[in-house]
Amino acid sequence: MTESCSSIIAGKVTDDDSGGHLRSTNPARLSDVVADVALGDATTFVESCRIAKASQPAWSRVPAPIRGRVIAEIGRLVEANA
């Protein structure tokens, strides 16, 4: 089963595929499609950067130990879904 992936901007999944699609394959078996990734275009990228920059001051006020736990949990989720 092929996964579908798209961007998450400001906590919301986008349906933006203005930059096309990327088929991600298993490097050990190139015929095995792992995911179909919707790609945004330059406008999507600029907008996501603007939102990230605007969010940074609030993130910086979160105590470092809590930020560390959040980042560690993201790492665990990435590994679990590898």
Protein backbone atom coordinates (compact mmCIF):
# COMPACT_ATOMS: atom_id res chain seq x y z
CA MET A 1 0.00 0.00 0.00
CA THR A 2 1.42 3.36 -1.04
CA GLU A 3 1.31 6.16 1.51
CA SER A 4 0.23 9.64 0.48
CA CYS A 5 2.14 12.53 2.06
CA SER A 6 1.63 16.26 1.98
CA SER A 7 2.90 19.29 3.84
CA ILE A 8 1.71 20.43 7.24
CA ILE A 9 1.76 24.21 7.59
CA ALA A 10 0.62 25.96 10.77
CA GLY A 11 -0.64 22.63 12.07
CA LYS A 12 -2.89 21.99 9.08
CA VAL A 13 -2.40 19.40 6.35
CA THR A 14 -2.30 21.11 2.96
CA ASP A 15 -3.66 19.66 -0.23
CA ASP A 16 -1.22 21.78 -2.19
CA ASP A 17 0.40 19.84 -5.01
CA SER A 18 1.22 22.90 -7.12
CA GLY A 19 4.83 21.71 -7.32
CA GLY A 20 3.82 18.31 -8.65
CA HIS A 21 4.27 14.90 -7.07
CA LEU A 22 7.30 12.86 -6.08
CA ARG A 23 7.20 9.08 -6.03
CA SER A 24 9.46 7.86 -3.26
CA THR A 25 10.80 4.36 -3.87
CA ASN A 26 12.53 1.74 -1.78
CA PRO A 27 16.24 2.09 -2.69
CA ALA A 28 16.70 -1.68 -2.39
CA ARG A 29 13.79 -2.38 -4.75
CA LEU A 30 13.09 0.56 -7.04
CA SER A 31 9.83 -0.94 -8.27
CA ASP A 32 8.49 -0.69 -4.68
CA VAL A 33 6.79 2.72 -4.34
CA VAL A 34 6.85 3.75 -0.68
CA ALA A 35 5.01 7.07 -0.88
CA ASP A 36 3.46 9.54 -3.23
CA VAL A 37 4.43 13.00 -1.96
CA ALA A 38 2.50 16.14 -2.91
CA LEU A 39 4.95 18.98 -3.45
CA GLY A 40 4.19 22.64 -2.98
CA ASP A 41 5.67 25.32 -5.18
CA ALA A 42 7.85 28.32 -4.32
CA THR A 43 4.85 30.24 -2.99
CA THR A 44 4.02 27.40 -0.61
CA PHE A 45 7.63 27.33 0.57
CA VAL A 46 7.74 31.09 1.19
CA GLU A 47 4.43 30.98 3.08
CA SER A 48 5.61 28.10 5.27
CA CYS A 49 8.82 29.99 6.07
CA ARG A 50 6.83 33.11 6.97
CA ILE A 51 4.63 31.12 9.35
CA ALA A 52 7.64 29.35 10.90
CA LYS A 53 9.40 32.67 11.49
CA ALA A 54 6.27 34.15 13.09
CA SER A 55 5.99 31.07 15.36
CA GLN A 56 9.61 31.14 16.52
CA PRO A 57 9.24 33.68 19.37
CA ALA A 58 6.54 31.59 21.07
CA TRP A 59 8.59 28.39 20.60
CA SER A 60 11.64 30.10 22.13
CA ARG A 61 9.61 30.83 25.30
CA VAL A 62 8.97 27.11 25.83
CA PRO A 63 11.50 25.86 28.43
CA ALA A 64 14.46 24.04 26.87
CA PRO A 65 13.78 20.68 28.59
CA ILE A 66 10.26 20.62 27.15
CA ARG A 67 11.51 21.59 23.67
CA GLY A 68 14.02 18.75 23.97
CA ARG A 69 11.28 16.25 24.81
CA VAL A 70 9.19 17.45 21.87
CA ILE A 71 12.13 17.07 19.45
CA ALA A 72 12.96 13.64 20.89
CA GLU A 73 9.34 12.53 20.40
CA ILE A 74 9.43 13.71 16.79
CA GLY A 75 12.59 11.63 16.33
CA ARG A 76 10.86 8.57 17.80
CA LEU A 77 7.89 9.06 15.47
CA VAL A 78 10.18 9.36 12.44
CA GLU A 79 12.00 6.15 13.40
CA ALA A 80 8.73 4.31 14.07
CA ASN A 81 7.44 5.28 10.64
CA ALA A 82 10.68 4.67 8.73
